[in-house]
PDB file of N, CA and C in Angstrom:
ATOM      1  N   MET A   1       4.631   9.937  -1.947  1.00  0.00           N
ATOM      2  CA  MET A   1       4.200   9.525  -0.787  1.00  0.00           C
ATOM      3  C   MET A   1       3.016   8.288  -1.372  1.00  0.00           C
ATOM      4  N   VAL A   2       2.346   7.961   0.201  1.00  0.00           N
ATOM      5  CA  VAL A   2       1.170   6.864  -0.589  1.00  0.00           C
ATOM      6  C   VAL A   2       0.200   8.174  -0.523  1.00  0.00           C
ATOM      7  N   GLU A   3      -0.806   7.394  -1.230  1.00  0.00           N
ATOM      8  CA  GLU A   3      -1.771   7.964  -0.769  1.00  0.00           C
ATOM      9  C   GLU A   3      -3.388   7.555  -0.073  1.00  0.00           C
ATOM     10  N   LYS A   4      -3.748   7.986   0.584  1.00  0.00           N
ATOM     11  CA  LYS A   4      -4.734   7.528   1.997  1.00  0.00           C
ATOM     12  C   LYS A   4      -5.740   8.390   1.535  1.00  0.00           C
ATOM     13  N   PHE A   5      -7.262   6.965   1.064  1.00  0.00           N
ATOM     14  CA  PHE A   5      -8.272   8.123   1.130  1.00  0.00           C
ATOM     15  C   PHE A   5      -9.441   6.918   1.622  1.00  0.00           C
ATOM     16  N   ARG A   6     -10.763   7.557   1.463  1.00  0.00           N
ATOM     17  CA  ARG A   6     -11.490   6.807   2.397  1.00  0.00           C
ATOM     18  C   ARG A   6     -12.673   6.396   0.654  1.00  0.00           C
ATOM     19  N   GLY A   7     -12.177   5.151   0.529  1.00  0.00           N
ATOM     20  CA  GLY A   7     -13.313   3.838  -1.069  1.00  0.00           C
ATOM     21  C   GLY A   7     -14.888   4.062  -0.080  1.00  0.00           C
ATOM     22  N   LEU A   8     -15.272   3.903  -1.487  1.00  0.00           N
ATOM     23  CA  LEU A   8     -16.734   4.133  -1.990  1.00  0.00           C
ATOM     24  C   LEU A   8     -17.353   2.604  -1.581  1.00  0.00           C
ATOM     25  N   ILE A   9     -16.390   1.883  -1.584  1.00  0.00           N
ATOM     26  CA  ILE A   9     -17.012  -0.204  -1.690  1.00  0.00           C
ATOM     27  C   ILE A   9     -15.382  -0.392  -1.093  1.00  0.00           C
ATOM     28  N   PRO A  10     -16.025  -1.294  -0.155  1.00  0.00           N
ATOM     29  CA  PRO A  10     -17.559  -0.866   0.828  1.00  0.00           C
ATOM     30  C   PRO A  10     -17.704   0.497   1.510  1.00  0.00           C
ATOM     31  N   PRO A  11     -18.363   1.034   1.759  1.00  0.00           N
ATOM     32  CA  PRO A  11     -18.506   2.056   2.843  1.00  0.00           C
ATOM     33  C   PRO A  11     -17.859   2.427   3.247  1.00  0.00           C
ATOM     34  N   GLY A  12     -17.533   3.273   4.064  1.00  0.00           N
ATOM     35  CA  GLY A  12     -16.633   3.933   4.673  1.00  0.00           C
ATOM     36  C   GLY A  12     -14.690   2.947   4.980  1.00  0.00           C
ATOM     37  N   SER A  13     -14.700   2.048   3.775  1.00  0.00           N
ATOM     38  CA  SER A  13     -12.904   1.507   3.839  1.00  0.00           C
ATOM     39  C   SER A  13     -12.253   2.823   3.580  1.00  0.00           C
ATOM     40  N   ILE A  14     -11.019   1.928   4.319  1.00  0.00           N
ATOM     41  CA  ILE A  14      -9.818   3.083   3.990  1.00  0.00           C
ATOM     42  C   ILE A  14      -8.302   2.248   2.749  1.00  0.00           C
ATOM     43  N   TRP A  15      -8.412   3.099   1.898  1.00  0.00           N
ATOM     44  CA  TRP A  15      -7.577   2.706   0.741  1.00  0.00           C
ATOM     45  C   TRP A  15      -6.655   2.911   1.308  1.00  0.00           C
ATOM     46  N   TYR A  16      -5.123   2.790   0.314  1.00  0.00           N
ATOM     47  CA  TYR A  16      -3.761   3.366   0.043  1.00  0.00           C
ATOM     48  C   TYR A  16      -3.629   3.159  -1.526  1.00  0.00           C
ATOM     49  N   ARG A  17      -2.984   4.095  -2.037  1.00  0.00           N
ATOM     50  CA  ARG A  17      -2.481   3.909  -2.985  1.00  0.00           C
ATOM     51  C   ARG A  17      -1.180   4.174  -3.397  1.00  0.00           C
ATOM     52  N   PHE A  18      -0.751   3.004  -3.928  1.00  0.00           N
ATOM     53  CA  PHE A  18       1.061   2.944  -3.791  1.00  0.00           C
ATOM     54  C   PHE A  18       1.724   3.777  -5.638  1.00  0.00           C
ATOM     55  N   THR A  19       2.510   4.536  -5.833  1.00  0.00           N
ATOM     56  CA  THR A  19       2.982   4.071  -6.882  1.00  0.00           C
ATOM     57  C   THR A  19       3.866   3.193  -7.506  1.00  0.00           C
ATOM     58  N   ARG A  20       4.648   2.686  -8.248  1.00  0.00           N
ATOM     59  CA  ARG A  20       5.260   1.780  -8.975  1.00  0.00           C
ATOM     60  C   ARG A  20       6.554   1.444  -7.831  1.00  0.00           C
ATOM     61  N   GLU A  21       7.247   2.434  -7.730  1.00  0.00           N
ATOM     62  CA  GLU A  21       8.500   2.178  -6.843  1.00  0.00           C
ATOM     63  C   GLU A  21       7.830   2.596  -5.067  1.00  0.00           C
ATOM     64  N   GLU A  22       7.203   2.754  -4.915  1.00  0.00           N
ATOM     65  CA  GLU A  22       6.627   2.767  -3.085  1.00  0.00           C
ATOM     66  C   GLU A  22       6.578   1.276  -3.186  1.00  0.00           C
ATOM     67  N   ALA A  23       5.466   0.697  -4.399  1.00  0.00           N
ATOM     68  CA  ALA A  23       5.094  -0.350  -4.251  1.00  0.00           C
ATOM     69  C   ALA A  23       6.211  -1.737  -3.928  1.00  0.00           C
ATOM     70  N   VAL A  24       6.870  -0.917  -5.250  1.00  0.00           N
ATOM     71  CA  VAL A  24       8.292  -2.128  -4.602  1.00  0.00           C
ATOM     72  C   VAL A  24       9.330  -1.851  -3.299  1.00  0.00           C
ATOM     73  N   THR A  25       9.029  -0.604  -3.030  1.00  0.00           N
ATOM     74  CA  THR A  25       9.289  -0.535  -1.386  1.00  0.00           C
ATOM     75  C   THR A  25       9.196  -0.992  -0.453  1.00  0.00           C
ATOM     76  N   PHE A  26       7.673  -1.188  -0.361  1.00  0.00           N
ATOM     77  CA  PHE A  26       6.905  -1.749   0.711  1.00  0.00           C
ATOM     78  C   PHE A  26       6.712  -3.574   0.460  1.00  0.00           C
ATOM     79  N   LEU A  27       7.013  -3.616  -1.220  1.00  0.00           N
ATOM     80  CA  LEU A  27       7.050  -5.486  -1.021  1.00  0.00           C
ATOM     81  C   LEU A  27       7.871  -6.083  -0.300  1.00  0.00           C
ATOM     82  N   GLN A  28       9.106  -5.380  -0.517  1.00  0.00           N
ATOM     83  CA  GLN A  28      10.445  -5.772  -0.650  1.00  0.00           C
ATOM     84  C   GLN A  28      10.479  -5.514   1.174  1.00  0.00           C
ATOM     85  N   HIS A  29      10.241  -4.694   1.895  1.00  0.00           N
ATOM     86  CA  HIS A  29      10.199  -4.285   3.536  1.00  0.00           C
ATOM     87  C   HIS A  29       9.266  -5.320   3.901  1.00  0.00           C
ATOM     88  N   THR A  30       8.193  -6.074   3.053  1.00  0.00           N
ATOM     89  CA  THR A  30       7.212  -6.463   3.978  1.00  0.00           C
ATOM     90  C   THR A  30       7.567  -8.514   3.362  1.00  0.00           C
ATOM     91  N   GLY A  31       9.040  -8.486   2.787  1.00  0.00           N
ATOM     92  CA  GLY A  31       8.938  -9.681   2.106  1.00  0.00           C
ATOM     93  C   GLY A  31       8.644  -9.967   1.020  1.00  0.00           C
ATOM     94  N   HIS A  32       7.357  -9.440  -0.053  1.00  0.00           N
ATOM     95  CA  HIS A  32       6.753 -10.023  -0.649  1.00  0.00           C
ATOM     96  C   HIS A  32       7.241 -10.461  -1.980  1.00  0.00           C
ATOM     97  N   TYR A  33       7.810  -8.934  -1.857  1.00  0.00           N
ATOM     98  CA  TYR A  33       8.665  -8.808  -3.555  1.00  0.00           C
ATOM     99  C   TYR A  33       9.858 -10.140  -3.026  1.00  0.00           C
ATOM    100  N   ASP A  34      10.410 -11.172  -2.454  1.00  0.00           N
ATOM    101  CA  ASP A  34      10.703 -11.776  -3.280  1.00  0.00           C
ATOM    102  C   ASP A  34      10.147 -13.305  -3.537  1.00  0.00           C
ATOM    103  N   ASP A  35       9.154 -13.115  -3.344  1.00  0.00           N
ATOM    104  CA  ASP A  35       8.050 -14.149  -3.787  1.00  0.00           C
ATOM    105  C   ASP A  35       7.811 -14.284  -4.925  1.00  0.00           C
ATOM    106  N   MET A  36       7.772 -13.012  -5.862  1.00  0.00           N
ATOM    107  CA  MET A  36       6.909 -12.743  -6.970  1.00  0.00           C
ATOM    108  C   MET A  36       8.169 -13.181  -7.987  1.00  0.00           C
ATOM    109  N   THR A  37       7.509 -14.079  -9.706  1.00  0.00           N
ATOM    110  CA  THR A  37       8.512 -14.063  -9.562  1.00  0.00           C
ATOM    111  C   THR A  37       8.896 -12.819 -11.321  1.00  0.00           C
ATOM    112  N   PRO A  38      10.067 -12.535 -12.046  1.00  0.00           N
ATOM    113  CA  PRO A  38      10.734 -12.120 -12.373  1.00  0.00           C
ATOM    114  C   PRO A  38       9.519 -10.957 -13.282  1.00  0.00           C
ATOM    115  N   GLN A  39       8.349 -11.855 -13.780  1.00  0.00           N
ATOM    116  CA  GLN A  39       7.939 -11.389 -14.765  1.00  0.00           C
ATOM    117  C   GLN A  39       6.749 -10.454 -14.177  1.00  0.00           C
ATOM    118  N   GLN A  40       6.413 -11.051 -12.572  1.00  0.00           N
ATOM    119  CA  GLN A  40       5.510  -9.854 -12.138  1.00  0.00           C
ATOM    120  C   GLN A  40       5.711  -8.868 -12.100  1.00  0.00           C
ATOM    121  N   ARG A  41       7.308  -8.984 -11.570  1.00  0.00           N
ATOM    122  CA  ARG A  41       8.146  -7.780 -11.138  1.00  0.00           C
ATOM    123  C   ARG A  41       8.552  -7.005 -12.078  1.00  0.00           C
ATOM    124  N   ARG A  42       8.415  -7.460 -13.595  1.00  0.00           N
ATOM    125  CA  ARG A  42       8.423  -6.357 -14.438  1.00  0.00           C
ATOM    126  C   ARG A  42       7.219  -6.080 -15.099  1.00  0.00           C
ATOM    127  N   GLU A  43       5.681  -6.160 -14.206  1.00  0.00           N
ATOM    128  CA  GLU A  43       4.709  -6.149 -14.864  1.00  0.00           C
ATOM    129  C   GLU A  43       3.908  -5.031 -13.273  1.00  0.00           C
ATOM    130  N   LEU A  44       5.057  -4.816 -12.753  1.00  0.00           N
ATOM    131  CA  LEU A  44       4.158  -4.480 -11.186  1.00  0.00           C
ATOM    132  C   LEU A  44       4.154  -2.959 -11.493  1.00  0.00           C
ATOM    133  N   ASP A  45       3.140  -2.167 -11.772  1.00  0.00           N
ATOM    134  CA  ASP A  45       2.760  -0.739 -11.404  1.00  0.00           C
ATOM    135  C   ASP A  45       2.388   0.013 -10.007  1.00  0.00           C
ATOM    136  N   SER A  46       1.724   0.084 -10.248  1.00  0.00           N
ATOM    137  CA  SER A  46       0.284   1.108  -8.782  1.00  0.00           C
ATOM    138  C   SER A  46       0.076   0.114  -9.037  1.00  0.00           C
ATOM    139  N   ILE A  47      -0.434   0.046  -7.355  1.00  0.00           N
ATOM    140  CA  ILE A  47      -0.967  -1.517  -6.580  1.00  0.00           C
ATOM    141  C   ILE A  47      -2.137  -0.067  -5.620  1.00  0.00           C
ATOM    142  N   ASP A  48      -2.666  -0.810  -5.471  1.00  0.00           N
ATOM    143  CA  ASP A  48      -4.092   0.281  -4.103  1.00  0.00           C
ATOM    144  C   ASP A  48      -4.079  -1.225  -3.568  1.00  0.00           C
ATOM    145  N   LEU A  49      -3.951  -0.387  -1.786  1.00  0.00           N
ATOM    146  CA  LEU A  49      -4.659  -1.956  -0.583  1.00  0.00           C
ATOM    147  C   LEU A  49      -5.335  -1.388   0.180  1.00  0.00           C
ATOM    148  N   GLN A  50      -5.958  -2.601   0.122  1.00  0.00           N
ATOM    149  CA  GLN A  50      -7.551  -2.011   1.439  1.00  0.00           C
ATOM    150  C   GLN A  50      -7.089  -2.303   2.888  1.00  0.00           C
ATOM    151  N   ALA A  51      -7.376  -1.381   3.818  1.00  0.00           N
ATOM    152  CA  ALA A  51      -7.138  -1.623   5.227  1.00  0.00           C
ATOM    153  C   ALA A  51      -8.414  -2.597   5.938  1.00  0.00           C
ATOM    154  N   LEU A  52      -8.839  -3.890   5.710  1.00  0.00           N
ATOM    155  CA  LEU A  52      -9.724  -4.211   6.322  1.00  0.00           C
ATOM    156  C   LEU A  52     -10.034  -4.189   7.918  1.00  0.00           C
ATOM    157  N   PRO A  53     -11.175  -3.866   8.290  1.00  0.00           N
ATOM    158  CA  PRO A  53     -11.110  -3.081   9.674  1.00  0.00           C
ATOM    159  C   PRO A  53     -10.819  -3.804  10.877  1.00  0.00           C
ATOM    160  N   GLY A  54      -9.797  -3.068  11.451  1.00  0.00           N
ATOM    161  CA  GLY A  54      -9.118  -2.993  12.755  1.00  0.00           C
ATOM    162  C   GLY A  54      -7.126  -2.891  12.165  1.00  0.00           C
ATOM    163  N   LYS A  55      -7.235  -3.332  10.969  1.00  0.00           N
ATOM    164  CA  LYS A  55      -5.942  -3.181   9.981  1.00  0.00           C
ATOM    165  C   LYS A  55      -5.366  -1.736   9.523  1.00  0.00           C
ATOM    166  N   THR A  56      -6.212  -0.904  10.174  1.00  0.00           N
ATOM    167  CA  THR A  56      -5.372   0.500   9.522  1.00  0.00           C
ATOM    168  C   THR A  56      -4.784   0.699  10.334  1.00  0.00           C
ATOM    169  N   GLU A  57      -4.874   0.794  11.536  1.00  0.00           N
ATOM    170  CA  GLU A  57      -2.935   0.744  11.971  1.00  0.00           C
ATOM    171  C   GLU A  57      -1.653  -0.409  11.796  1.00  0.00           C
ATOM    172  N   ASP A  58      -2.191  -1.153  11.559  1.00  0.00           N
ATOM    173  CA  ASP A  58      -0.746  -2.177  11.201  1.00  0.00           C
ATOM    174  C   ASP A  58       0.062  -2.111  10.017  1.00  0.00           C
ATOM    175  N   ILE A  59      -1.031  -1.806   9.162  1.00  0.00           N
ATOM    176  CA  ILE A  59      -0.692  -1.282   7.504  1.00  0.00           C
ATOM    177  C   ILE A  59      -0.212   0.026   7.744  1.00  0.00           C
ATOM    178  N   GLU A  60      -0.477   0.723   8.553  1.00  0.00           N
ATOM    179  CA  GLU A  60       0.634   2.323   8.261  1.00  0.00           C
ATOM    180  C   GLU A  60       1.872   2.540   8.738  1.00  0.00           C
ATOM    181  N   ARG A  61       1.712   0.957  10.662  1.00  0.00           N
ATOM    182  CA  ARG A  61       2.872   1.217  10.996  1.00  0.00           C
ATOM    183  C   ARG A  61       4.001   0.737  10.058  1.00  0.00           C
ATOM    184  N   GLN A  62       3.176  -0.448   8.911  1.00  0.00           N
ATOM    185  CA  GLN A  62       4.048  -1.077   7.803  1.00  0.00           C
ATOM    186  C   GLN A  62       5.139  -0.346   6.938  1.00  0.00           C
ATOM    187  N   ILE A  63       3.812   1.061   6.799  1.00  0.00           N
ATOM    188  CA  ILE A  63       4.345   1.942   5.413  1.00  0.00           C
ATOM    189  C   ILE A  63       4.618   2.836   6.131  1.00  0.00           C
ATOM    190  N   SER A  64       5.129   3.063   7.169  1.00  0.00           N
ATOM    191  CA  SER A  64       6.066   4.093   8.272  1.00  0.00           C
ATOM    192  C   SER A  64       7.108   3.402   8.260  1.00  0.00           C
ATOM    193  N   GLU A  65       7.716   1.642   8.750  1.00  0.00           N
ATOM    194  CA  GLU A  65       8.568   1.056   8.898  1.00  0.00           C
ATOM    195  C   GLU A  65       9.650   0.837   7.252  1.00  0.00           C
ATOM    196  N   ALA A  66       9.032   0.785   6.137  1.00  0.00           N
ATOM    197  CA  ALA A  66       9.574   0.912   4.899  1.00  0.00           C
ATOM    198  C   ALA A  66      10.031   2.365   4.270  1.00  0.00           C
ATOM    199  N   GLY A  67      10.178   3.223   5.265  1.00  0.00           N
ATOM    200  CA  GLY A  67       9.985   4.823   4.720  1.00  0.00           C
ATOM    201  C   GLY A  67       9.243   5.345   4.641  1.00  0.00           C
ATOM    202  N   LEU A  68       8.712   5.405   3.953  1.00  0.00           N
ATOM    203  CA  LEU A  68       6.935   5.987   2.739  1.00  0.00           C
ATOM    204  C   LEU A  68       6.570   7.007   3.257  1.00  0.00           C
ATOM    205  N   ASN A  69       6.049   8.242   3.101  1.00  0.00           N
ATOM    206  CA  ASN A  69       5.076   9.012   3.526  1.00  0.00           C
ATOM    207  C   ASN A  69       3.731   8.729   3.376  1.00  0.00           C
ATOM    208  N   ILE A  70       2.607   8.654   4.522  1.00  0.00           N
ATOM    209  CA  ILE A  70       1.375   8.614   3.916  1.00  0.00           C
ATOM    210  C   ILE A  70       0.631   9.821   3.513  1.00  0.00           C
ATOM    211  N   VAL A  71       0.151  10.810   3.180  1.00  0.00           N
ATOM    212  CA  VAL A  71      -0.515  11.786   2.157  1.00  0.00           C
ATOM    213  C   VAL A  71      -2.010  11.543   2.470  1.00  0.00           C
ATOM    214  N   THR A  72      -3.250  12.281   3.381  1.00  0.00           N
ATOM    215  CA  THR A  72      -4.364  11.819   3.296  1.00  0.00           C
ATOM    216  C   THR A  72      -4.891  12.913   2.301  1.00  0.00           C
ATOM    217  N   LEU A  73      -5.608  12.074   1.771  1.00  0.00           N
ATOM    218  CA  LEU A  73      -6.559  13.019   0.693  1.00  0.00           C
ATOM    219  C   LEU A  73      -7.864  12.997   1.101  1.00  0.00           C
ATOM    220  N   HIS A  74      -8.593  12.007   1.511  1.00  0.00           N
ATOM    221  CA  HIS A  74     -10.050  12.642   1.715  1.00  0.00           C
ATOM    222  C   HIS A  74      -9.994  11.510   3.008  1.00  0.00           C
ATOM    223  N   ASP A  75      -9.882  12.612   4.322  1.00  0.00           N
ATOM    224  CA  ASP A  75     -10.860  12.097   5.810  1.00  0.00           C
ATOM    225  C   ASP A  75     -12.299  12.111   5.971  1.00  0.00           C
TER     226      ASP A  75
END
């Protein structure tokens, strides 16, 4: 499950943490995986994604459309 949490920097920001497998799934869904080199794919680990103000709904829609679930750790 993609972890959603409130960040410290900047204050009140929203962050999403993906495991490697979730990151691959999300990047494939958004089309960014194809843009990566073979080396970048091998080195891909967990990723954190910050939602910019006004973009939270769009990011969460993309996560859901990729077939991933979100768990809120701290709201």
